[in-house]
Amino acid sequence: TPGNQLWLSIDVKLQALVEQMFGGRRGALVAIDPRSGEV
């Protein structure tokens, strides 16, 4: 029986945009929807 699928709250376009904006710098960012807790 195949494993279950995980559907994330992540918007990968937003994820890729933020990673691109960081460039070569070190750091971290977390964006949360306050209404649901979805990251």
Full PDB file with SEQRES, HELIX, SHEET, SSBOND, CRYST1, ORIGX, SCALE, CONECT and MASTER records, all heavy atoms in Angstrom:
SEQRES   1 A   39  THR PRO GLY ASN GLN LEU TRP LEU SER ILE ASP VAL LYS          
SEQRES   2 A   39  LEU GLN ALA LEU VAL GLU GLN MET PHE GLY GLY ARG ARG          
SEQRES   3 A   39  GLY ALA LEU VAL ALA ILE ASP PRO ARG SER GLY GLU VAL          
HELIX    1 AA1 VAL A   12  PHE A   22  1                                  11    
CRYST1    1.000    1.000    1.000  90.00  90.00  90.00 P 1           1          
ORIGX1      1.000000  0.000000  0.000000        0.00000                         
ORIGX2      0.000000  1.000000  0.000000        0.00000                         
ORIGX3      0.000000  0.000000  1.000000        0.00000                         
SCALE1      1.000000  0.000000  0.000000        0.00000                         
SCALE2      0.000000  1.000000  0.000000        0.00000                         
SCALE3      0.000000  0.000000  1.000000        0.00000                         
ATOM      1  N   THR A   1       0.855  -1.189   0.000  1.00  0.00           N  
ATOM      2  CA  THR A   1       0.000   0.000   0.000  1.00  0.00           C  
ATOM      3  C   THR A   1       0.886   1.233   0.000  1.00  0.00           C  
ATOM      4  O   THR A   1       1.712   1.394   0.904  1.00  0.00           O  
ATOM      5  CB  THR A   1      -0.906   0.033   1.246  1.00  0.00           C  
ATOM      6  OG1 THR A   1      -1.687  -1.169   1.290  1.00  0.00           O  
ATOM      7  CG2 THR A   1      -1.829   1.236   1.209  1.00  0.00           C  
ATOM      8  N   PRO A   2       0.768   2.084  -0.999  1.00  0.00           N  
ATOM      9  CA  PRO A   2       1.644   3.273  -1.052  1.00  0.00           C  
ATOM     10  C   PRO A   2       1.464   4.161   0.168  1.00  0.00           C  
ATOM     11  O   PRO A   2       0.414   4.151   0.833  1.00  0.00           O  
ATOM     12  CB  PRO A   2       1.175   3.994  -2.326  1.00  0.00           C  
ATOM     13  CG  PRO A   2       0.433   2.965  -3.113  1.00  0.00           C  
ATOM     14  CD  PRO A   2      -0.171   2.032  -2.127  1.00  0.00           C  
ATOM     15  N   GLY A   3       2.502   4.936   0.471  1.00  0.00           N  
ATOM     16  CA  GLY A   3       2.429   5.881   1.574  1.00  0.00           C  
ATOM     17  C   GLY A   3       1.443   6.998   1.280  1.00  0.00           C  
ATOM     18  O   GLY A   3       1.082   7.261   0.126  1.00  0.00           O  
ATOM     19  N   ASN A   4       0.992   7.642   2.339  1.00  0.00           N  
ATOM     20  CA  ASN A   4       0.037   8.740   2.193  1.00  0.00           C  
ATOM     21  C   ASN A   4       0.704   9.977   1.610  1.00  0.00           C  
ATOM     22  O   ASN A   4       1.923  10.161   1.724  1.00  0.00           O  
ATOM     23  CB  ASN A   4      -0.586   9.084   3.545  1.00  0.00           C  
ATOM     24  CG  ASN A   4      -1.424   7.946   4.095  1.00  0.00           C  
ATOM     25  OD1 ASN A   4      -1.990   7.167   3.331  1.00  0.00           O  
ATOM     26  ND2 ASN A   4      -1.501   7.849   5.405  1.00  0.00           N  
ATOM     27  N   GLN A   5      -0.091  10.817   1.011  1.00  0.00           N  
ATOM     28  CA  GLN A   5       0.400  12.087   0.482  1.00  0.00           C  
ATOM     29  C   GLN A   5       0.313  13.173   1.547  1.00  0.00           C  
ATOM     30  O   GLN A   5      -0.648  13.235   2.302  1.00  0.00           O  
ATOM     31  CB  GLN A   5      -0.428  12.521  -0.733  1.00  0.00           C  
ATOM     32  CG  GLN A   5      -0.262  11.654  -1.953  1.00  0.00           C  
ATOM     33  CD  GLN A   5      -1.098  12.158  -3.123  1.00  0.00           C  
ATOM     34  OE1 GLN A   5      -1.875  13.101  -2.988  1.00  0.00           O  
ATOM     35  NE2 GLN A   5      -0.939  11.528  -4.278  1.00  0.00           N  
ATOM     36  N   LEU A   6       1.348  14.014   1.593  1.00  0.00           N  
ATOM     37  CA  LEU A   6       1.324  15.185   2.463  1.00  0.00           C  
ATOM     38  C   LEU A   6       1.043  16.422   1.622  1.00  0.00           C  
ATOM     39  O   LEU A   6       1.804  16.726   0.693  1.00  0.00           O  
ATOM     40  CB  LEU A   6       2.671  15.362   3.187  1.00  0.00           C  
ATOM     41  CG  LEU A   6       3.173  14.227   4.079  1.00  0.00           C  
ATOM     42  CD1 LEU A   6       4.439  14.680   4.802  1.00  0.00           C  
ATOM     43  CD2 LEU A   6       2.131  13.777   5.076  1.00  0.00           C  
ATOM     44  N   TRP A   7      -0.047  17.108   1.916  1.00  0.00           N  
ATOM     45  CA  TRP A   7      -0.348  18.391   1.285  1.00  0.00           C  
ATOM     46  C   TRP A   7       0.022  19.478   2.287  1.00  0.00           C  
ATOM     47  O   TRP A   7      -0.539  19.549   3.383  1.00  0.00           O  
ATOM     48  CB  TRP A   7      -1.827  18.469   0.906  1.00  0.00           C  
ATOM     49  CG  TRP A   7      -2.146  17.689  -0.329  1.00  0.00           C  
ATOM     50  CD1 TRP A   7      -2.224  16.329  -0.437  1.00  0.00           C  
ATOM     51  CD2 TRP A   7      -2.417  18.218  -1.627  1.00  0.00           C  
ATOM     52  NE1 TRP A   7      -2.523  15.964  -1.726  1.00  0.00           N  
ATOM     53  CE2 TRP A   7      -2.662  17.103  -2.484  1.00  0.00           C  
ATOM     54  CE3 TRP A   7      -2.500  19.495  -2.158  1.00  0.00           C  
ATOM     55  CZ2 TRP A   7      -2.958  17.254  -3.829  1.00  0.00           C  
ATOM     56  CZ3 TRP A   7      -2.802  19.647  -3.501  1.00  0.00           C  
ATOM     57  CH2 TRP A   7      -3.024  18.546  -4.328  1.00  0.00           C  
ATOM     58  N   LEU A   8       0.986  20.294   1.915  1.00  0.00           N  
ATOM     59  CA  LEU A   8       1.524  21.287   2.836  1.00  0.00           C  
ATOM     60  C   LEU A   8       0.743  22.591   2.778  1.00  0.00           C  
ATOM     61  O   LEU A   8       0.028  22.881   1.815  1.00  0.00           O  
ATOM     62  CB  LEU A   8       2.996  21.557   2.516  1.00  0.00           C  
ATOM     63  CG  LEU A   8       3.928  20.348   2.412  1.00  0.00           C  
ATOM     64  CD1 LEU A   8       5.370  20.823   2.245  1.00  0.00           C  
ATOM     65  CD2 LEU A   8       3.797  19.431   3.613  1.00  0.00           C  
ATOM     66  N   SER A   9       0.911  23.389   3.825  1.00  0.00           N  
ATOM     67  CA  SER A   9       0.380  24.753   3.826  1.00  0.00           C  
ATOM     68  C   SER A   9       1.325  25.702   3.096  1.00  0.00           C  
ATOM     69  O   SER A   9       0.975  26.844   2.804  1.00  0.00           O  
ATOM     70  CB  SER A   9       0.185  25.228   5.271  1.00  0.00           C  
ATOM     71  OG  SER A   9       1.423  25.199   5.975  1.00  0.00           O  
ATOM     72  N   ILE A  10       2.515  25.214   2.778  1.00  0.00           N  
ATOM     73  CA  ILE A  10       3.549  26.024   2.123  1.00  0.00           C  
ATOM     74  C   ILE A  10       3.113  26.426   0.704  1.00  0.00           C  
ATOM     75  O   ILE A  10       2.581  25.609  -0.047  1.00  0.00           O  
ATOM     76  CB  ILE A  10       4.872  25.229   2.047  1.00  0.00           C  
ATOM     77  CG1 ILE A  10       5.469  25.039   3.454  1.00  0.00           C  
ATOM     78  CG2 ILE A  10       5.880  25.918   1.137  1.00  0.00           C  
ATOM     79  CD1 ILE A  10       5.978  26.296   4.101  1.00  0.00           C  
ATOM     80  N   ASP A  11       3.362  27.680   0.356  1.00  0.00           N  
ATOM     81  CA  ASP A  11       3.246  28.138  -1.034  1.00  0.00           C  
ATOM     82  C   ASP A  11       4.663  28.161  -1.597  1.00  0.00           C  
ATOM     83  O   ASP A  11       5.465  29.033  -1.249  1.00  0.00           O  
ATOM     84  CB  ASP A  11       2.612  29.528  -1.082  1.00  0.00           C  
ATOM     85  CG  ASP A  11       2.363  30.013  -2.504  1.00  0.00           C  
ATOM     86  OD1 ASP A  11       3.119  29.597  -3.405  1.00  0.00           O  
ATOM     87  OD2 ASP A  11       1.443  30.820  -2.710  1.00  0.00           O  
ATOM     88  N   VAL A  12       4.990  27.193  -2.445  1.00  0.00           N  
ATOM     89  CA  VAL A  12       6.379  27.036  -2.866  1.00  0.00           C  
ATOM     90  C   VAL A  12       6.858  28.221  -3.700  1.00  0.00           C  
ATOM     91  O   VAL A  12       8.064  28.527  -3.728  1.00  0.00           O  
ATOM     92  CB  VAL A  12       6.567  25.696  -3.614  1.00  0.00           C  
ATOM     93  CG1 VAL A  12       6.022  25.770  -5.031  1.00  0.00           C  
ATOM     94  CG2 VAL A  12       8.036  25.294  -3.633  1.00  0.00           C  
ATOM     95  N   LYS A  13       5.950  28.937  -4.375  1.00  0.00           N  
ATOM     96  CA  LYS A  13       6.365  30.130  -5.107  1.00  0.00           C  
ATOM     97  C   LYS A  13       6.837  31.209  -4.147  1.00  0.00           C  
ATOM     98  O   LYS A  13       7.846  31.886  -4.390  1.00  0.00           O  
ATOM     99  CB  LYS A  13       5.219  30.648  -5.974  1.00  0.00           C  
ATOM    100  CG  LYS A  13       4.894  29.761  -7.176  1.00  0.00           C  
ATOM    101  CD  LYS A  13       3.808  30.390  -8.046  1.00  0.00           C  
ATOM    102  CE  LYS A  13       3.525  29.518  -9.265  1.00  0.00           C  
ATOM    103  NZ  LYS A  13       2.459  30.101 -10.120  1.00  0.00           N  
ATOM    104  N   LEU A  14       6.107  31.377  -3.051  1.00  0.00           N  
ATOM    105  CA  LEU A  14       6.536  32.331  -2.018  1.00  0.00           C  
ATOM    106  C   LEU A  14       7.845  31.862  -1.384  1.00  0.00           C  
ATOM    107  O   LEU A  14       8.759  32.661  -1.155  1.00  0.00           O  
ATOM    108  CB  LEU A  14       5.448  32.462  -0.956  1.00  0.00           C  
ATOM    109  CG  LEU A  14       5.771  33.344   0.256  1.00  0.00           C  
ATOM    110  CD1 LEU A  14       6.026  34.786  -0.179  1.00  0.00           C  
ATOM    111  CD2 LEU A  14       4.638  33.285   1.275  1.00  0.00           C  
ATOM    112  N   GLN A  15       7.934  30.561  -1.112  1.00  0.00           N  
ATOM    113  CA  GLN A  15       9.152  29.983  -0.541  1.00  0.00           C  
ATOM    114  C   GLN A  15      10.362  30.274  -1.428  1.00  0.00           C  
ATOM    115  O   GLN A  15      11.405  30.739  -0.954  1.00  0.00           O  
ATOM    116  CB  GLN A  15       8.971  28.464  -0.382  1.00  0.00           C  
ATOM    117  CG  GLN A  15      10.175  27.713   0.153  1.00  0.00           C  
ATOM    118  CD  GLN A  15      10.276  27.729   1.654  1.00  0.00           C  
ATOM    119  OE1 GLN A  15       9.310  27.997   2.344  1.00  0.00           O  
ATOM    120  NE2 GLN A  15      11.453  27.437   2.175  1.00  0.00           N  
ATOM    121  N   ALA A  16      10.234  30.013  -2.722  1.00  0.00           N  
ATOM    122  CA  ALA A  16      11.340  30.220  -3.656  1.00  0.00           C  
ATOM    123  C   ALA A  16      11.688  31.703  -3.767  1.00  0.00           C  
ATOM    124  O   ALA A  16      12.867  32.063  -3.867  1.00  0.00           O  
ATOM    125  CB  ALA A  16      10.973  29.655  -5.025  1.00  0.00           C  
ATOM    126  N   LEU A  17      10.670  32.573  -3.744  1.00  0.00           N  
ATOM    127  CA  LEU A  17      10.919  34.011  -3.838  1.00  0.00           C  
ATOM    128  C   LEU A  17      11.733  34.501  -2.648  1.00  0.00           C  
ATOM    129  O   LEU A  17      12.710  35.246  -2.814  1.00  0.00           O  
ATOM    130  CB  LEU A  17       9.589  34.765  -3.914  1.00  0.00           C  
ATOM    131  CG  LEU A  17       9.683  36.296  -3.897  1.00  0.00           C  
ATOM    132  CD1 LEU A  17      10.435  36.811  -5.121  1.00  0.00           C  
ATOM    133  CD2 LEU A  17       8.291  36.917  -3.817  1.00  0.00           C  
ATOM    134  N   VAL A  18      11.364  34.085  -1.447  1.00  0.00           N  
ATOM    135  CA  VAL A  18      12.087  34.519  -0.246  1.00  0.00           C  
ATOM    136  C   VAL A  18      13.517  33.998  -0.269  1.00  0.00           C  
ATOM    137  O   VAL A  18      14.458  34.742   0.047  1.00  0.00           O  
ATOM    138  CB  VAL A  18      11.356  34.043   1.025  1.00  0.00           C  
ATOM    139  CG1 VAL A  18      12.184  34.376   2.270  1.00  0.00           C  
ATOM    140  CG2 VAL A  18       9.976  34.678   1.127  1.00  0.00           C  
ATOM    141  N   GLU A  19      13.692  32.736  -0.662  1.00  0.00           N  
ATOM    142  CA  GLU A  19      15.048  32.179  -0.716  1.00  0.00           C  
ATOM    143  C   GLU A  19      15.895  32.937  -1.729  1.00  0.00           C  
ATOM    144  O   GLU A  19      17.085  33.193  -1.495  1.00  0.00           O  
ATOM    145  CB  GLU A  19      14.986  30.690  -1.073  1.00  0.00           C  
ATOM    146  CG  GLU A  19      14.395  29.823   0.030  1.00  0.00           C  
ATOM    147  CD  GLU A  19      14.423  28.337  -0.291  1.00  0.00           C  
ATOM    148  OE1 GLU A  19      15.014  27.972  -1.330  1.00  0.00           O  
ATOM    149  OE2 GLU A  19      13.845  27.552   0.476  1.00  0.00           O  
ATOM    150  N   GLN A  20      15.288  33.331  -2.839  1.00  0.00           N  
ATOM    151  CA  GLN A  20      16.015  34.099  -3.846  1.00  0.00           C  
ATOM    152  C   GLN A  20      16.397  35.476  -3.311  1.00  0.00           C  
ATOM    153  O   GLN A  20      17.502  35.963  -3.556  1.00  0.00           O  
ATOM    154  CB  GLN A  20      15.143  34.238  -5.099  1.00  0.00           C  
ATOM    155  CG  GLN A  20      15.816  35.012  -6.233  1.00  0.00           C  
ATOM    156  CD  GLN A  20      14.881  35.194  -7.421  1.00  0.00           C  
ATOM    157  OE1 GLN A  20      13.762  34.708  -7.416  1.00  0.00           O  
ATOM    158  NE2 GLN A  20      15.348  35.901  -8.431  1.00  0.00           N  
ATOM    159  N   MET A  21      15.499  36.099  -2.552  1.00  0.00           N  
ATOM    160  CA  MET A  21      15.765  37.439  -2.017  1.00  0.00           C  
ATOM    161  C   MET A  21      16.874  37.430  -0.974  1.00  0.00           C  
ATOM    162  O   MET A  21      17.584  38.411  -0.815  1.00  0.00           O  
ATOM    163  CB  MET A  21      14.482  38.021  -1.430  1.00  0.00           C  
ATOM    164  CG  MET A  21      13.409  38.329  -2.475  1.00  0.00           C  
ATOM    165  SD  MET A  21      11.837  38.840  -1.746  1.00  0.00           S  
ATOM    166  CE  MET A  21      12.307  40.443  -1.087  1.00  0.00           C  
ATOM    167  N   PHE A  22      17.032  36.307  -0.268  1.00  0.00           N  
ATOM    168  CA  PHE A  22      18.124  36.197   0.701  1.00  0.00           C  
ATOM    169  C   PHE A  22      19.478  36.201  -0.003  1.00  0.00           C  
ATOM    170  O   PHE A  22      20.473  36.628   0.571  1.00  0.00           O  
ATOM    171  CB  PHE A  22      17.983  34.918   1.532  1.00  0.00           C  
ATOM    172  CG  PHE A  22      17.330  35.111   2.862  1.00  0.00           C  
ATOM    173  CD1 PHE A  22      15.967  34.943   3.004  1.00  0.00           C  
ATOM    174  CD2 PHE A  22      18.068  35.458   3.982  1.00  0.00           C  
ATOM    175  CE1 PHE A  22      15.349  35.118   4.228  1.00  0.00           C  
ATOM    176  CE2 PHE A  22      17.462  35.616   5.213  1.00  0.00           C  
ATOM    177  CZ  PHE A  22      16.095  35.454   5.341  1.00  0.00           C  
ATOM    178  N   GLY A  23      19.504  35.690  -1.228  1.00  0.00           N  
ATOM    179  CA  GLY A  23      20.770  35.609  -1.948  1.00  0.00           C  
ATOM    180  C   GLY A  23      21.744  34.701  -1.231  1.00  0.00           C  
ATOM    181  O   GLY A  23      21.403  33.604  -0.796  1.00  0.00           O  
ATOM    182  N   GLY A  24      22.980  35.162  -1.086  1.00  0.00           N  
ATOM    183  CA  GLY A  24      24.009  34.366  -0.425  1.00  0.00           C  
ATOM    184  C   GLY A  24      24.109  34.628   1.066  1.00  0.00           C  
ATOM    185  O   GLY A  24      25.036  34.129   1.722  1.00  0.00           O  
ATOM    186  N   ARG A  25      23.184  35.410   1.622  1.00  0.00           N  
ATOM    187  CA  ARG A  25      23.252  35.743   3.046  1.00  0.00           C  
ATOM    188  C   ARG A  25      22.700  34.622   3.911  1.00  0.00           C  
ATOM    189  O   ARG A  25      21.861  33.838   3.482  1.00  0.00           O  
ATOM    190  CB  ARG A  25      22.481  37.049   3.315  1.00  0.00           C  
ATOM    191  CG  ARG A  25      23.105  38.279   2.676  1.00  0.00           C  
ATOM    192  CD  ARG A  25      22.355  39.539   3.071  1.00  0.00           C  
ATOM    193  NE  ARG A  25      21.036  39.588   2.445  1.00  0.00           N  
ATOM    194  CZ  ARG A  25      20.787  40.109   1.257  1.00  0.00           C  
ATOM    195  NH1 ARG A  25      21.784  40.642   0.552  1.00  0.00           N  
ATOM    196  NH2 ARG A  25      19.565  40.123   0.752  1.00  0.00           N  
ATOM    197  N   ARG A  26      23.159  34.575   5.137  1.00  0.00           N  
ATOM    198  CA  ARG A  26      22.615  33.628   6.110  1.00  0.00           C  
ATOM    199  C   ARG A  26      21.401  34.238   6.789  1.00  0.00           C  
ATOM    200  O   ARG A  26      21.338  35.447   6.990  1.00  0.00           O  
ATOM    201  CB  ARG A  26      23.659  33.283   7.171  1.00  0.00           C  
ATOM    202  CG  ARG A  26      24.844  32.495   6.636  1.00  0.00           C  
ATOM    203  CD  ARG A  26      25.871  32.236   7.700  1.00  0.00           C  
ATOM    204  NE  ARG A  26      26.505  33.469   8.175  1.00  0.00           N  
ATOM    205  CZ  ARG A  26      27.550  33.505   8.968  1.00  0.00           C  
ATOM    206  NH1 ARG A  26      28.092  32.390   9.403  1.00  0.00           N  
ATOM    207  NH2 ARG A  26      28.075  34.649   9.339  1.00  0.00           N  
ATOM    208  N   GLY A  27      20.440  33.411   7.159  1.00  0.00           N  
ATOM    209  CA  GLY A  27      19.278  33.934   7.862  1.00  0.00           C  
ATOM    210  C   GLY A  27      18.122  32.966   7.820  1.00  0.00           C  
ATOM    211  O   GLY A  27      18.225  31.842   7.336  1.00  0.00           O  
ATOM    212  N   ALA A  28      16.993  33.410   8.351  1.00  0.00           N  
ATOM    213  CA  ALA A  28      15.794  32.576   8.398  1.00  0.00           C  
ATOM    214  C   ALA A  28      14.564  33.464   8.344  1.00  0.00           C  
ATOM    215  O   ALA A  28      14.600  34.629   8.760  1.00  0.00           O  
ATOM    216  CB  ALA A  28      15.781  31.724   9.665  1.00  0.00           C  
ATOM    217  N   LEU A  29      13.476  32.906   7.825  1.00  0.00           N  
ATOM    218  CA  LEU A  29      12.200  33.608   7.769  1.00  0.00           C  
ATOM    219  C   LEU A  29      11.078  32.592   7.887  1.00  0.00           C  
ATOM    220  O   LEU A  29      11.129  31.520   7.285  1.00  0.00           O  
ATOM    221  CB  LEU A  29      12.060  34.377   6.457  1.00  0.00           C  
ATOM    222  CG  LEU A  29      10.731  35.116   6.225  1.00  0.00           C  
ATOM    223  CD1 LEU A  29      10.957  36.434   5.507  1.00  0.00           C  
ATOM    224  CD2 LEU A  29       9.744  34.246   5.434  1.00  0.00           C  
ATOM    225  N   VAL A  30      10.066  32.948   8.693  1.00  0.00           N  
ATOM    226  CA  VAL A  30       8.873  32.120   8.812  1.00  0.00           C  
ATOM    227  C   VAL A  30       7.665  33.020   8.597  1.00  0.00           C  
ATOM    228  O   VAL A  30       7.527  34.050   9.267  1.00  0.00           O  
ATOM    229  CB  VAL A  30       8.782  31.443  10.193  1.00  0.00           C  
ATOM    230  CG1 VAL A  30       7.501  30.624  10.301  1.00  0.00           C  
ATOM    231  CG2 VAL A  30       9.998  30.565  10.444  1.00  0.00           C  
ATOM    232  N   ALA A  31       6.799  32.659   7.644  1.00  0.00           N  
ATOM    233  CA  ALA A  31       5.563  33.401   7.385  1.00  0.00           C  
ATOM    234  C   ALA A  31       4.381  32.534   7.784  1.00  0.00           C  
ATOM    235  O   ALA A  31       4.233  31.416   7.296  1.00  0.00           O  
ATOM    236  CB  ALA A  31       5.469  33.776   5.902  1.00  0.00           C  
ATOM    237  N   ILE A  32       3.546  33.062   8.698  1.00  0.00           N  
ATOM    238  CA  ILE A  32       2.416  32.305   9.241  1.00  0.00           C  
ATOM    239  C   ILE A  32       1.114  33.045   8.946  1.00  0.00           C  
ATOM    240  O   ILE A  32       1.047  34.275   9.071  1.00  0.00           O  
ATOM    241  CB  ILE A  32       2.566  32.121  10.775  1.00  0.00           C  
ATOM    242  CG1 ILE A  32       3.783  31.253  11.097  1.00  0.00           C  
ATOM    243  CG2 ILE A  32       1.321  31.489  11.376  1.00  0.00           C  
ATOM    244  CD1 ILE A  32       4.024  31.066  12.584  1.00  0.00           C  
ATOM    245  N   ASP A  33       0.082  32.300   8.583  1.00  0.00           N  
ATOM    246  CA  ASP A  33      -1.262  32.867   8.504  1.00  0.00           C  
ATOM    247  C   ASP A  33      -1.806  32.924   9.926  1.00  0.00           C  
ATOM    248  O   ASP A  33      -2.072  31.875  10.527  1.00  0.00           O  
ATOM    249  CB  ASP A  33      -2.160  31.985   7.625  1.00  0.00           C  
ATOM    250  CG  ASP A  33      -3.544  32.589   7.410  1.00  0.00           C  
ATOM    251  OD1 ASP A  33      -3.972  33.424   8.231  1.00  0.00           O  
ATOM    252  OD2 ASP A  33      -4.200  32.218   6.423  1.00  0.00           O  
ATOM    253  N   PRO A  34      -1.993  34.116  10.513  1.00  0.00           N  
ATOM    254  CA  PRO A  34      -2.405  34.219  11.922  1.00  0.00           C  
ATOM    255  C   PRO A  34      -3.756  33.560  12.206  1.00  0.00           C  
ATOM    256  O   PRO A  34      -3.994  33.093  13.317  1.00  0.00           O  
ATOM    257  CB  PRO A  34      -2.483  35.731  12.165  1.00  0.00           C  
ATOM    258  CG  PRO A  34      -1.681  36.353  11.082  1.00  0.00           C  
ATOM    259  CD  PRO A  34      -1.820  35.443   9.899  1.00  0.00           C  
ATOM    260  N   ARG A  35      -4.620  33.489  11.214  1.00  0.00           N  
ATOM    261  CA  ARG A  35      -5.967  32.965  11.426  1.00  0.00           C  
ATOM    262  C   ARG A  35      -5.994  31.452  11.609  1.00  0.00           C  
ATOM    263  O   ARG A  35      -6.901  30.913  12.251  1.00  0.00           O  
ATOM    264  CB  ARG A  35      -6.867  33.348  10.247  1.00  0.00           C  
ATOM    265  CG  ARG A  35      -7.010  34.840  10.032  1.00  0.00           C  
ATOM    266  CD  ARG A  35      -7.554  35.143   8.656  1.00  0.00           C  
ATOM    267  NE  ARG A  35      -6.640  34.672   7.605  1.00  0.00           N  
ATOM    268  CZ  ARG A  35      -6.870  34.805   6.302  1.00  0.00           C  
ATOM    269  NH1 ARG A  35      -7.989  35.387   5.895  1.00  0.00           N  
ATOM    270  NH2 ARG A  35      -5.995  34.357   5.420  1.00  0.00           N  
ATOM    271  N   SER A  36      -5.013  30.745  11.034  1.00  0.00           N  
ATOM    272  CA  SER A  36      -5.058  29.278  11.049  1.00  0.00           C  
ATOM    273  C   SER A  36      -3.788  28.624  11.583  1.00  0.00           C  
ATOM    274  O   SER A  36      -3.810  27.435  11.920  1.00  0.00           O  
ATOM    275  CB  SER A  36      -5.312  28.760   9.625  1.00  0.00           C  
ATOM    276  OG  SER A  36      -4.249  29.169   8.761  1.00  0.00           O  
ATOM    277  N   GLY A  37      -2.709  29.367  11.648  1.00  0.00           N  
ATOM    278  CA  GLY A  37      -1.430  28.768  12.030  1.00  0.00           C  
ATOM    279  C   GLY A  37      -0.721  28.107  10.878  1.00  0.00           C  
ATOM    280  O   GLY A  37       0.354  27.512  11.056  1.00  0.00           O  
ATOM    281  N   GLU A  38      -1.286  28.175   9.663  1.00  0.00           N  
ATOM    282  CA  GLU A  38      -0.638  27.573   8.503  1.00  0.00           C  
ATOM    283  C   GLU A  38       0.647  28.333   8.171  1.00  0.00           C  
ATOM    284  O   GLU A  38       0.640  29.556   8.069  1.00  0.00           O  
ATOM    285  CB  GLU A  38      -1.574  27.594   7.300  1.00  0.00           C  
ATOM    286  CG  GLU A  38      -2.780  26.686   7.443  1.00  0.00           C  
ATOM    287  CD  GLU A  38      -3.684  26.748   6.223  1.00  0.00           C  
ATOM    288  OE1 GLU A  38      -3.358  27.498   5.276  1.00  0.00           O  
ATOM    289  OE2 GLU A  38      -4.716  26.043   6.219  1.00  0.00           O  
ATOM    290  N   VAL A  39       1.731  27.586   8.006  1.00  0.00           N  
ATOM    291  CA  VAL A  39       3.018  28.184   7.644  1.00  0.00           C  
ATOM    292  C   VAL A  39       3.079  28.294   6.125  1.00  0.00           C  
ATOM    293  O   VAL A  39       3.011  27.295   5.412  1.00  0.00           O  
ATOM    294  CB  VAL A  39       4.194  27.347   8.184  1.00  0.00           C  
ATOM    295  CG1 VAL A  39       5.513  27.978   7.792  1.00  0.00           C  
ATOM    296  CG2 VAL A  39       4.098  27.214   9.703  1.00  0.00           C  
TER     297      VAL A  39                                                      
MASTER        0    0    0    1    0    0    0    6  296    1    0    3          
END                                                                             
